[in-house]
Amino acid sequence: RSLLDTVRALMAAPAAPGVQSGTGEDWGPLNALLTSAFGGGRTATVV
C-alpha cells in the first residue's frame, strides 16, 4: 500500500476505507519510549 494509506491507517482515519491500523505489537516498546520522553498520555490508537 502507499505511504498515504499507511499514514491514514495509523491515524485510524475513515478517509481510507477498508484499511485498518495494526495492533501495535511491533511498535509498542518504541511507543512507550516516545510517550515517556515526549508526552502523550493515551496509549490506544484513537483519533
PDB file of all heavy atoms in Angstrom:
ATOM      1  N   ARG A   1       0.855  -1.184   0.000  1.00  0.00           N
ATOM      2  CA  ARG A   1       0.000   0.000   0.000  1.00  0.00           C
ATOM      3  C   ARG A   1       0.892   1.236   0.000  1.00  0.00           C
ATOM      4  O   ARG A   1       2.075   1.170   0.310  1.00  0.00           O
ATOM      5  CB  ARG A   1      -0.936   0.014   1.209  1.00  0.00           C
ATOM      6  CG  ARG A   1      -0.241   0.012   2.559  1.00  0.00           C
ATOM      7  CD  ARG A   1      -1.269  -0.057   3.677  1.00  0.00           C
ATOM      8  NE  ARG A   1      -0.634  -0.105   4.999  1.00  0.00           N
ATOM      9  CZ  ARG A   1      -1.307  -0.276   6.126  1.00  0.00           C
ATOM     10  NH1 ARG A   1      -2.624  -0.424   6.104  1.00  0.00           N
ATOM     11  NH2 ARG A   1      -0.666  -0.316   7.295  1.00  0.00           N
ATOM     12  N   SER A   2       0.302   2.363  -0.358  1.00  0.00           N
ATOM     13  CA  SER A   2       1.071   3.593  -0.478  1.00  0.00           C
ATOM     14  C   SER A   2       1.405   4.163   0.897  1.00  0.00           C
ATOM     15  O   SER A   2       0.829   3.761   1.920  1.00  0.00           O
ATOM     16  CB  SER A   2       0.279   4.625  -1.276  1.00  0.00           C
ATOM     17  OG  SER A   2      -0.857   5.052  -0.528  1.00  0.00           O
ATOM     18  N   LEU A   3       2.309   5.117   0.897  1.00  0.00           N
ATOM     19  CA  LEU A   3       2.640   5.793   2.155  1.00  0.00           C
ATOM     20  C   LEU A   3       1.435   6.553   2.690  1.00  0.00           C
ATOM     21  O   LEU A   3       1.202   6.576   3.907  1.00  0.00           O
ATOM     22  CB  LEU A   3       3.825   6.744   1.938  1.00  0.00           C
ATOM     23  CG  LEU A   3       4.288   7.532   3.166  1.00  0.00           C
ATOM     24  CD1 LEU A   3       4.711   6.604   4.295  1.00  0.00           C
ATOM     25  CD2 LEU A   3       5.428   8.490   2.793  1.00  0.00           C
ATOM     26  N   LEU A   4       0.649   7.150   1.813  1.00  0.00           N
ATOM     27  CA  LEU A   4      -0.549   7.861   2.262  1.00  0.00           C
ATOM     28  C   LEU A   4      -1.509   6.904   2.959  1.00  0.00           C
ATOM     29  O   LEU A   4      -2.027   7.204   4.042  1.00  0.00           O
ATOM     30  CB  LEU A   4      -1.236   8.529   1.069  1.00  0.00           C
ATOM     31  CG  LEU A   4      -2.588   9.195   1.363  1.00  0.00           C
ATOM     32  CD1 LEU A   4      -2.440  10.297   2.402  1.00  0.00           C
ATOM     33  CD2 LEU A   4      -3.208   9.746   0.083  1.00  0.00           C
ATOM     34  N   ASP A   5      -1.758   5.748   2.376  1.00  0.00           N
ATOM     35  CA  ASP A   5      -2.658   4.779   3.003  1.00  0.00           C
ATOM     36  C   ASP A   5      -2.092   4.279   4.323  1.00  0.00           C
ATOM     37  O   ASP A   5      -2.838   4.006   5.273  1.00  0.00           O
ATOM     38  CB  ASP A   5      -2.910   3.604   2.064  1.00  0.00           C
ATOM     39  CG  ASP A   5      -3.809   3.968   0.896  1.00  0.00           C
ATOM     40  OD1 ASP A   5      -4.521   4.987   1.009  1.00  0.00           O
ATOM     41  OD2 ASP A   5      -3.779   3.264  -0.126  1.00  0.00           O
ATOM     42  N   THR A   6      -0.776   4.153   4.394  1.00  0.00           N
ATOM     43  CA  THR A   6      -0.148   3.727   5.639  1.00  0.00           C
ATOM     44  C   THR A   6      -0.359   4.758   6.734  1.00  0.00           C
ATOM     45  O   THR A   6      -0.706   4.425   7.877  1.00  0.00           O
ATOM     46  CB  THR A   6       1.353   3.497   5.419  1.00  0.00           C
ATOM     47  OG1 THR A   6       1.533   2.501   4.406  1.00  0.00           O
ATOM     48  CG2 THR A   6       2.030   3.032   6.699  1.00  0.00           C
ATOM     49  N   VAL A   7      -0.164   6.026   6.391  1.00  0.00           N
ATOM     50  CA  VAL A   7      -0.365   7.103   7.371  1.00  0.00           C
ATOM     51  C   VAL A   7      -1.817   7.142   7.819  1.00  0.00           C
ATOM     52  O   VAL A   7      -2.124   7.243   9.015  1.00  0.00           O
ATOM     53  CB  VAL A   7       0.072   8.453   6.779  1.00  0.00           C
ATOM     54  CG1 VAL A   7      -0.333   9.606   7.702  1.00  0.00           C
ATOM     55  CG2 VAL A   7       1.579   8.481   6.551  1.00  0.00           C
ATOM     56  N   ARG A   8      -2.743   7.046   6.870  1.00  0.00           N
ATOM     57  CA  ARG A   8      -4.169   7.097   7.220  1.00  0.00           C
ATOM     58  C   ARG A   8      -4.552   5.935   8.130  1.00  0.00           C
ATOM     59  O   ARG A   8      -5.334   6.100   9.074  1.00  0.00           O
ATOM     60  CB  ARG A   8      -5.012   7.064   5.942  1.00  0.00           C
ATOM     61  CG  ARG A   8      -5.060   8.396   5.203  1.00  0.00           C
ATOM     62  CD  ARG A   8      -5.790   8.228   3.897  1.00  0.00           C
ATOM     63  NE  ARG A   8      -6.104   9.509   3.284  1.00  0.00           N
ATOM     64  CZ  ARG A   8      -6.568   9.642   2.054  1.00  0.00           C
ATOM     65  NH1 ARG A   8      -6.767   8.562   1.307  1.00  0.00           N
ATOM     66  NH2 ARG A   8      -6.836  10.838   1.562  1.00  0.00           N
ATOM     67  N   ALA A   9      -4.010   4.762   7.831  1.00  0.00           N
ATOM     68  CA  ALA A   9      -4.349   3.610   8.655  1.00  0.00           C
ATOM     69  C   ALA A   9      -3.862   3.803  10.086  1.00  0.00           C
ATOM     70  O   ALA A   9      -4.570   3.469  11.043  1.00  0.00           O
ATOM     71  CB  ALA A   9      -3.735   2.344   8.056  1.00  0.00           C
ATOM     72  N   LEU A  10      -2.672   4.344  10.233  1.00  0.00           N
ATOM     73  CA  LEU A  10      -2.140   4.566  11.578  1.00  0.00           C
ATOM     74  C   LEU A  10      -2.864   5.683  12.308  1.00  0.00           C
ATOM     75  O   LEU A  10      -2.867   5.743  13.532  1.00  0.00           O
ATOM     76  CB  LEU A  10      -0.637   4.871  11.497  1.00  0.00           C
ATOM     77  CG  LEU A  10       0.228   3.679  11.068  1.00  0.00           C
ATOM     78  CD1 LEU A  10       1.645   4.124  10.745  1.00  0.00           C
ATOM     79  CD2 LEU A  10       0.249   2.620  12.165  1.00  0.00           C
ATOM     80  N   MET A  11      -3.468   6.588  11.575  1.00  0.00           N
ATOM     81  CA  MET A  11      -4.310   7.624  12.194  1.00  0.00           C
ATOM     82  C   MET A  11      -5.715   7.098  12.466  1.00  0.00           C
ATOM     83  O   MET A  11      -6.521   7.799  13.090  1.00  0.00           O
ATOM     84  CB  MET A  11      -4.410   8.837  11.267  1.00  0.00           C
ATOM     85  CG  MET A  11      -3.105   9.592  11.052  1.00  0.00           C
ATOM     86  SD  MET A  11      -3.247  10.803   9.698  1.00  0.00           S
ATOM     87  CE  MET A  11      -4.516  11.897  10.352  1.00  0.00           C
ATOM     88  N   ALA A  12      -6.019   5.882  11.959  1.00  0.00           N
ATOM     89  CA  ALA A  12      -7.368   5.308  12.041  1.00  0.00           C
ATOM     90  C   ALA A  12      -8.384   6.225  11.388  1.00  0.00           C
ATOM     91  O   ALA A  12      -9.483   6.423  11.902  1.00  0.00           O
ATOM     92  CB  ALA A  12      -7.764   5.026  13.495  1.00  0.00           C
ATOM     93  N   ALA A  13      -7.986   6.781  10.236  1.00  0.00           N
ATOM     94  CA  ALA A  13      -8.856   7.748   9.567  1.00  0.00           C
ATOM     95  C   ALA A  13      -9.833   7.040   8.650  1.00  0.00           C
ATOM     96  O   ALA A  13      -9.430   6.208   7.846  1.00  0.00           O
ATOM     97  CB  ALA A  13      -8.010   8.726   8.754  1.00  0.00           C
ATOM     98  N   PRO A  14     -11.124   7.350   8.719  1.00  0.00           N
ATOM     99  CA  PRO A  14     -12.102   6.733   7.822  1.00  0.00           C
ATOM    100  C   PRO A  14     -11.943   7.168   6.383  1.00  0.00           C
ATOM    101  O   PRO A  14     -12.577   6.633   5.497  1.00  0.00           O
ATOM    102  CB  PRO A  14     -13.456   7.198   8.392  1.00  0.00           C
ATOM    103  CG  PRO A  14     -13.139   8.447   9.142  1.00  0.00           C
ATOM    104  CD  PRO A  14     -11.760   8.260   9.693  1.00  0.00           C
ATOM    105  N   ALA A  15     -11.055   8.145   6.124  1.00  0.00           N
ATOM    106  CA  ALA A  15     -10.803   8.557   4.743  1.00  0.00           C
ATOM    107  C   ALA A  15     -10.146   7.450   3.938  1.00  0.00           C
ATOM    108  O   ALA A  15     -10.045   7.521   2.733  1.00  0.00           O
ATOM    109  CB  ALA A  15      -9.914   9.803   4.714  1.00  0.00           C
ATOM    110  N   ALA A  16      -9.666   6.408   4.606  1.00  0.00           N
ATOM    111  CA  ALA A  16      -9.069   5.264   3.913  1.00  0.00           C
ATOM    112  C   ALA A  16      -9.903   4.027   4.216  1.00  0.00           C
ATOM    113  O   ALA A  16      -9.542   3.200   5.045  1.00  0.00           O
ATOM    114  CB  ALA A  16      -7.631   5.048   4.355  1.00  0.00           C
ATOM    115  N   PRO A  17     -11.073   3.881   3.583  1.00  0.00           N
ATOM    116  CA  PRO A  17     -11.976   2.780   3.923  1.00  0.00           C
ATOM    117  C   PRO A  17     -11.333   1.433   3.652  1.00  0.00           C
ATOM    118  O   PRO A  17     -10.637   1.228   2.669  1.00  0.00           O
ATOM    119  CB  PRO A  17     -13.166   3.019   2.982  1.00  0.00           C
ATOM    120  CG  PRO A  17     -12.620   3.842   1.861  1.00  0.00           C
ATOM    121  CD  PRO A  17     -11.580   4.699   2.476  1.00  0.00           C
ATOM    122  N   GLY A  18     -11.601   0.500   4.578  1.00  0.00           N
ATOM    123  CA  GLY A  18     -11.106  -0.851   4.416  1.00  0.00           C
ATOM    124  C   GLY A  18      -9.681  -1.058   4.885  1.00  0.00           C
ATOM    125  O   GLY A  18      -9.197  -2.174   4.876  1.00  0.00           O
ATOM    126  N   VAL A  19      -8.970   0.009   5.262  1.00  0.00           N
ATOM    127  CA  VAL A  19      -7.594  -0.115   5.733  1.00  0.00           C
ATOM    128  C   VAL A  19      -7.604   0.019   7.245  1.00  0.00           C
ATOM    129  O   VAL A  19      -8.074   1.023   7.790  1.00  0.00           O
ATOM    130  CB  VAL A  19      -6.693   0.970   5.107  1.00  0.00           C
ATOM    131  CG1 VAL A  19      -5.277   0.863   5.651  1.00  0.00           C
ATOM    132  CG2 VAL A  19      -6.674   0.820   3.594  1.00  0.00           C
ATOM    133  N   GLN A  20      -7.146  -0.995   7.913  1.00  0.00           N
ATOM    134  CA  GLN A  20      -7.153  -0.993   9.369  1.00  0.00           C
ATOM    135  C   GLN A  20      -5.734  -0.820   9.894  1.00  0.00           C
ATOM    136  O   GLN A  20      -4.779  -1.333   9.315  1.00  0.00           O
ATOM    137  CB  GLN A  20      -7.726  -2.314   9.899  1.00  0.00           C
ATOM    138  CG  GLN A  20      -9.147  -2.574   9.422  1.00  0.00           C
ATOM    139  CD  GLN A  20     -10.124  -1.529   9.931  1.00  0.00           C
ATOM    140  OE1 GLN A  20     -10.016  -1.076  11.056  1.00  0.00           O
ATOM    141  NE2 GLN A  20     -11.086  -1.167   9.094  1.00  0.00           N
ATOM    142  N   SER A  21      -5.589  -0.077  10.984  1.00  0.00           N
ATOM    143  CA  SER A  21      -4.277   0.050  11.611  1.00  0.00           C
ATOM    144  C   SER A  21      -3.930  -1.244  12.325  1.00  0.00           C
ATOM    145  O   SER A  21      -4.794  -2.039  12.678  1.00  0.00           O
ATOM    146  CB  SER A  21      -4.278   1.202  12.621  1.00  0.00           C
ATOM    147  OG  SER A  21      -5.237   0.971  13.624  1.00  0.00           O
ATOM    148  N   GLY A  22      -2.610  -1.454  12.542  1.00  0.00           N
ATOM    149  CA  GLY A  22      -2.148  -2.679  13.166  1.00  0.00           C
ATOM    150  C   GLY A  22      -2.475  -2.718  14.649  1.00  0.00           C
ATOM    151  O   GLY A  22      -3.005  -1.776  15.233  1.00  0.00           O
ATOM    152  N   THR A  23      -2.137  -3.829  15.262  1.00  0.00           N
ATOM    153  CA  THR A  23      -2.409  -3.999  16.684  1.00  0.00           C
ATOM    154  C   THR A  23      -1.474  -3.184  17.551  1.00  0.00           C
ATOM    155  O   THR A  23      -1.757  -2.942  18.718  1.00  0.00           O
ATOM    156  CB  THR A  23      -2.256  -5.476  17.063  1.00  0.00           C
ATOM    157  OG1 THR A  23      -0.896  -5.872  16.859  1.00  0.00           O
ATOM    158  CG2 THR A  23      -3.165  -6.357  16.218  1.00  0.00           C
ATOM    159  N   GLY A  24      -0.335  -2.808  16.995  1.00  0.00           N
ATOM    160  CA  GLY A  24       0.623  -2.040  17.781  1.00  0.00           C
ATOM    161  C   GLY A  24       1.646  -2.901  18.477  1.00  0.00           C
ATOM    162  O   GLY A  24       2.520  -2.387  19.168  1.00  0.00           O
ATOM    163  N   GLU A  25       1.605  -4.219  18.278  1.00  0.00           N
ATOM    164  CA  GLU A  25       2.553  -5.083  18.972  1.00  0.00           C
ATOM    165  C   GLU A  25       3.994  -4.799  18.555  1.00  0.00           C
ATOM    166  O   GLU A  25       4.910  -4.824  19.367  1.00  0.00           O
ATOM    167  CB  GLU A  25       2.201  -6.549  18.696  1.00  0.00           C
ATOM    168  CG  GLU A  25       0.886  -6.969  19.342  1.00  0.00           C
ATOM    169  CD  GLU A  25       0.537  -8.403  19.006  1.00  0.00           C
ATOM    170  OE1 GLU A  25       1.336  -9.046  18.289  1.00  0.00           O
ATOM    171  OE2 GLU A  25      -0.523  -8.882  19.435  1.00  0.00           O
ATOM    172  N   ASP A  26       4.193  -4.547  17.250  1.00  0.00           N
ATOM    173  CA  ASP A  26       5.550  -4.349  16.763  1.00  0.00           C
ATOM    174  C   ASP A  26       6.174  -3.072  17.307  1.00  0.00           C
ATOM    175  O   ASP A  26       7.373  -3.023  17.549  1.00  0.00           O
ATOM    176  CB  ASP A  26       5.553  -4.307  15.226  1.00  0.00           C
ATOM    177  CG  ASP A  26       5.173  -5.652  14.639  1.00  0.00           C
ATOM    178  OD1 ASP A  26       5.358  -6.652  15.341  1.00  0.00           O
ATOM    179  OD2 ASP A  26       4.699  -5.676  13.486  1.00  0.00           O
ATOM    180  N   TRP A  27       5.336  -2.035  17.453  1.00  0.00           N
ATOM    181  CA  TRP A  27       5.915  -0.761  17.850  1.00  0.00           C
ATOM    182  C   TRP A  27       5.566  -0.368  19.281  1.00  0.00           C
ATOM    183  O   TRP A  27       5.806   0.763  19.689  1.00  0.00           O
ATOM    184  CB  TRP A  27       5.481   0.346  16.889  1.00  0.00           C
ATOM    185  CG  TRP A  27       4.034   0.323  16.482  1.00  0.00           C
ATOM    186  CD1 TRP A  27       3.517  -0.212  15.353  1.00  0.00           C
ATOM    187  CD2 TRP A  27       2.922   0.874  17.200  1.00  0.00           C
ATOM    188  NE1 TRP A  27       2.157  -0.050  15.302  1.00  0.00           N
ATOM    189  CE2 TRP A  27       1.762   0.627  16.425  1.00  0.00           C
ATOM    190  CE3 TRP A  27       2.782   1.543  18.418  1.00  0.00           C
ATOM    191  CZ2 TRP A  27       0.496   1.022  16.827  1.00  0.00           C
ATOM    192  CZ3 TRP A  27       1.514   1.953  18.810  1.00  0.00           C
ATOM    193  CH2 TRP A  27       0.390   1.686  18.016  1.00  0.00           C
ATOM    194  N   GLY A  28       5.031  -1.311  20.047  1.00  0.00           N
ATOM    195  CA  GLY A  28       4.650  -0.994  21.415  1.00  0.00           C
ATOM    196  C   GLY A  28       5.787  -0.484  22.276  1.00  0.00           C
ATOM    197  O   GLY A  28       5.675   0.577  22.911  1.00  0.00           O
ATOM    198  N   PRO A  29       6.961  -1.166  22.336  1.00  0.00           N
ATOM    199  CA  PRO A  29       8.066  -0.674  23.160  1.00  0.00           C
ATOM    200  C   PRO A  29       8.551   0.699  22.738  1.00  0.00           C
ATOM    201  O   PRO A  29       8.849   1.553  23.579  1.00  0.00           O
ATOM    202  CB  PRO A  29       9.147  -1.746  22.958  1.00  0.00           C
ATOM    203  CG  PRO A  29       8.397  -2.978  22.572  1.00  0.00           C
ATOM    204  CD  PRO A  29       7.245  -2.497  21.766  1.00  0.00           C
ATOM    205  N   LEU A  30       8.632   0.947  21.400  1.00  0.00           N
ATOM    206  CA  LEU A  30       9.084   2.252  20.938  1.00  0.00           C
ATOM    207  C   LEU A  30       8.068   3.327  21.294  1.00  0.00           C
ATOM    208  O   LEU A  30       8.421   4.438  21.704  1.00  0.00           O
ATOM    209  CB  LEU A  30       9.305   2.217  19.422  1.00  0.00           C
ATOM    210  CG  LEU A  30       9.740   3.555  18.799  1.00  0.00           C
ATOM    211  CD1 LEU A  30      11.069   4.015  19.378  1.00  0.00           C
ATOM    212  CD2 LEU A  30       9.841   3.427  17.281  1.00  0.00           C
ATOM    213  N   ASN A  31       6.788   2.998  21.189  1.00  0.00           N
ATOM    214  CA  ASN A  31       5.767   3.980  21.535  1.00  0.00           C
ATOM    215  C   ASN A  31       5.831   4.324  23.023  1.00  0.00           C
ATOM    216  O   ASN A  31       5.637   5.479  23.419  1.00  0.00           O
ATOM    217  CB  ASN A  31       4.382   3.435  21.172  1.00  0.00           C
ATOM    218  CG  ASN A  31       3.356   4.551  21.072  1.00  0.00           C
ATOM    219  OD1 ASN A  31       3.632   5.601  20.505  1.00  0.00           O
ATOM    220  ND2 ASN A  31       2.179   4.324  21.628  1.00  0.00           N
ATOM    221  N   ALA A  32       6.135   3.342  23.834  1.00  0.00           N
ATOM    222  CA  ALA A  32       6.282   3.622  25.263  1.00  0.00           C
ATOM    223  C   ALA A  32       7.457   4.552  25.514  1.00  0.00           C
ATOM    224  O   ALA A  32       7.387   5.467  26.348  1.00  0.00           O
ATOM    225  CB  ALA A  32       6.475   2.308  26.020  1.00  0.00           C
ATOM    226  N   LEU A  33       8.546   4.343  24.759  1.00  0.00           N
ATOM    227  CA  LEU A  33       9.706   5.214  24.897  1.00  0.00           C
ATOM    228  C   LEU A  33       9.365   6.638  24.474  1.00  0.00           C
ATOM    229  O   LEU A  33       9.723   7.610  25.153  1.00  0.00           O
ATOM    230  CB  LEU A  33      10.865   4.665  24.045  1.00  0.00           C
ATOM    231  CG  LEU A  33      12.146   5.501  24.013  1.00  0.00           C
ATOM    232  CD1 LEU A  33      12.734   5.643  25.408  1.00  0.00           C
ATOM    233  CD2 LEU A  33      13.156   4.878  23.060  1.00  0.00           C
ATOM    234  N   LEU A  34       8.650   6.796  23.357  1.00  0.00           N
ATOM    235  CA  LEU A  34       8.259   8.124  22.895  1.00  0.00           C
ATOM    236  C   LEU A  34       7.331   8.802  23.896  1.00  0.00           C
ATOM    237  O   LEU A  34       7.447   9.993  24.181  1.00  0.00           O
ATOM    238  CB  LEU A  34       7.563   8.026  21.528  1.00  0.00           C
ATOM    239  CG  LEU A  34       8.436   7.660  20.332  1.00  0.00           C
ATOM    240  CD1 LEU A  34       7.573   7.494  19.092  1.00  0.00           C
ATOM    241  CD2 LEU A  34       9.486   8.739  20.099  1.00  0.00           C
ATOM    242  N   THR A  35       6.388   8.025  24.424  1.00  0.00           N
ATOM    243  CA  THR A  35       5.432   8.597  25.372  1.00  0.00           C
ATOM    244  C   THR A  35       6.129   9.073  26.636  1.00  0.00           C
ATOM    245  O   THR A  35       5.855  10.162  27.149  1.00  0.00           O
ATOM    246  CB  THR A  35       4.354   7.559  25.721  1.00  0.00           C
ATOM    247  OG1 THR A  35       3.680   7.166  24.524  1.00  0.00           O
ATOM    248  CG2 THR A  35       3.341   8.145  26.690  1.00  0.00           C
ATOM    249  N   SER A  36       7.076   8.288  27.113  1.00  0.00           N
ATOM    250  CA  SER A  36       7.775   8.684  28.336  1.00  0.00           C
ATOM    251  C   SER A  36       8.692   9.861  28.097  1.00  0.00           C
ATOM    252  O   SER A  36       8.886  10.712  28.980  1.00  0.00           O
ATOM    253  CB  SER A  36       8.571   7.501  28.887  1.00  0.00           C
ATOM    254  OG  SER A  36       9.585   7.113  27.966  1.00  0.00           O
ATOM    255  N   ALA A  37       9.263   9.952  26.910  1.00  0.00           N
ATOM    256  CA  ALA A  37      10.233  11.015  26.631  1.00  0.00           C
ATOM    257  C   ALA A  37       9.566  12.312  26.205  1.00  0.00           C
ATOM    258  O   ALA A  37      10.042  13.404  26.532  1.00  0.00           O
ATOM    259  CB  ALA A  37      11.216  10.553  25.558  1.00  0.00           C
ATOM    260  N   PHE A  38       8.444  12.219  25.466  1.00  0.00           N
ATOM    261  CA  PHE A  38       7.885  13.428  24.861  1.00  0.00           C
ATOM    262  C   PHE A  38       6.398  13.614  25.130  1.00  0.00           C
ATOM    263  O   PHE A  38       5.739  14.403  24.471  1.00  0.00           O
ATOM    264  CB  PHE A  38       8.121  13.399  23.341  1.00  0.00           C
ATOM    265  CG  PHE A  38       9.568  13.284  22.982  1.00  0.00           C
ATOM    266  CD1 PHE A  38      10.096  12.085  22.539  1.00  0.00           C
ATOM    267  CD2 PHE A  38      10.415  14.374  23.112  1.00  0.00           C
ATOM    268  CE1 PHE A  38      11.427  11.971  22.209  1.00  0.00           C
ATOM    269  CE2 PHE A  38      11.756  14.270  22.781  1.00  0.00           C
ATOM    270  CZ  PHE A  38      12.264  13.069  22.336  1.00  0.00           C
ATOM    271  N   GLY A  39       5.845  12.876  26.074  1.00  0.00           N
ATOM    272  CA  GLY A  39       4.463  13.112  26.456  1.00  0.00           C
ATOM    273  C   GLY A  39       3.488  12.323  25.620  1.00  0.00           C
ATOM    274  O   GLY A  39       3.833  11.519  24.779  1.00  0.00           O
ATOM    275  N   GLY A  40       2.212  12.590  25.845  1.00  0.00           N
ATOM    276  CA  GLY A  40       1.156  11.838  25.178  1.00  0.00           C
ATOM    277  C   GLY A  40       0.605  10.805  26.132  1.00  0.00           C
ATOM    278  O   GLY A  40       1.171   9.738  26.306  1.00  0.00           O
ATOM    279  N   GLY A  41      -0.488  11.134  26.832  1.00  0.00           N
ATOM    280  CA  GLY A  41      -0.926  10.290  27.921  1.00  0.00           C
ATOM    281  C   GLY A  41      -1.683   9.060  27.513  1.00  0.00           C
ATOM    282  O   GLY A  41      -1.716   8.096  28.245  1.00  0.00           O
ATOM    283  N   ARG A  42      -2.334   9.073  26.318  1.00  0.00           N
ATOM    284  CA  ARG A  42      -3.130   7.919  25.927  1.00  0.00           C
ATOM    285  C   ARG A  42      -2.263   6.887  25.237  1.00  0.00           C
ATOM    286  O   ARG A  42      -1.248   7.194  24.622  1.00  0.00           O
ATOM    287  CB  ARG A  42      -4.254   8.374  24.981  1.00  0.00           C
ATOM    288  CG  ARG A  42      -5.315   9.216  25.700  1.00  0.00           C
ATOM    289  CD  ARG A  42      -6.250   9.890  24.707  1.00  0.00           C
ATOM    290  NE  ARG A  42      -5.547  10.952  23.978  1.00  0.00           N
ATOM    291  CZ  ARG A  42      -6.093  11.627  22.984  1.00  0.00           C
ATOM    292  NH1 ARG A  42      -7.316  11.318  22.601  1.00  0.00           N
ATOM    293  NH2 ARG A  42      -5.434  12.581  22.385  1.00  0.00           N
ATOM    294  N   THR A  43      -2.692   5.658  25.277  1.00  0.00           N
ATOM    295  CA  THR A  43      -1.897   4.580  24.686  1.00  0.00           C
ATOM    296  C   THR A  43      -2.620   3.868  23.556  1.00  0.00           C
ATOM    297  O   THR A  43      -2.011   3.106  22.834  1.00  0.00           O
ATOM    298  CB  THR A  43      -1.537   3.543  25.753  1.00  0.00           C
ATOM    299  OG1 THR A  43      -2.738   3.049  26.351  1.00  0.00           O
ATOM    300  CG2 THR A  43      -0.666   4.155  26.831  1.00  0.00           C
ATOM    301  N   ALA A  44      -3.908   4.093  23.400  1.00  0.00           N
ATOM    302  CA  ALA A  44      -4.638   3.419  22.322  1.00  0.00           C
ATOM    303  C   ALA A  44      -4.553   4.249  21.046  1.00  0.00           C
ATOM    304  O   ALA A  44      -4.382   5.453  21.081  1.00  0.00           O
ATOM    305  CB  ALA A  44      -6.110   3.235  22.714  1.00  0.00           C
ATOM    306  N   THR A  45      -4.699   3.574  19.899  1.00  0.00           N
ATOM    307  CA  THR A  45      -4.685   4.277  18.622  1.00  0.00           C
ATOM    308  C   THR A  45      -6.089   4.812  18.364  1.00  0.00           C
ATOM    309  O   THR A  45      -6.964   4.108  17.876  1.00  0.00           O
ATOM    310  CB  THR A  45      -4.259   3.327  17.493  1.00  0.00           C
ATOM    311  OG1 THR A  45      -2.991   2.776  17.822  1.00  0.00           O
ATOM    312  CG2 THR A  45      -4.155   4.059  16.179  1.00  0.00           C
ATOM    313  N   VAL A  46      -6.295   6.076  18.699  1.00  0.00           N
ATOM    314  CA  VAL A  46      -7.601   6.701  18.521  1.00  0.00           C
ATOM    315  C   VAL A  46      -7.407   7.999  17.772  1.00  0.00           C
ATOM    316  O   VAL A  46      -6.301   8.480  17.579  1.00  0.00           O
ATOM    317  CB  VAL A  46      -8.282   6.989  19.886  1.00  0.00           C
ATOM    318  CG1 VAL A  46      -8.531   5.707  20.631  1.00  0.00           C
ATOM    319  CG2 VAL A  46      -7.430   7.935  20.727  1.00  0.00           C
ATOM    320  N   VAL A  47      -8.515   8.572  17.353  1.00  0.00           N
ATOM    321  CA  VAL A  47      -8.483   9.853  16.649  1.00  0.00           C
ATOM    322  C   VAL A  47      -9.027  10.913  17.580  1.00  0.00           C
ATOM    323  O   VAL A  47     -10.150  10.819  18.066  1.00  0.00           O
ATOM    324  CB  VAL A  47      -9.331   9.777  15.357  1.00  0.00           C
ATOM    325  CG1 VAL A  47      -9.308  11.106  14.649  1.00  0.00           C
ATOM    326  CG2 VAL A  47      -8.793   8.681  14.448  1.00  0.00           C
TER     327      VAL A  47
END
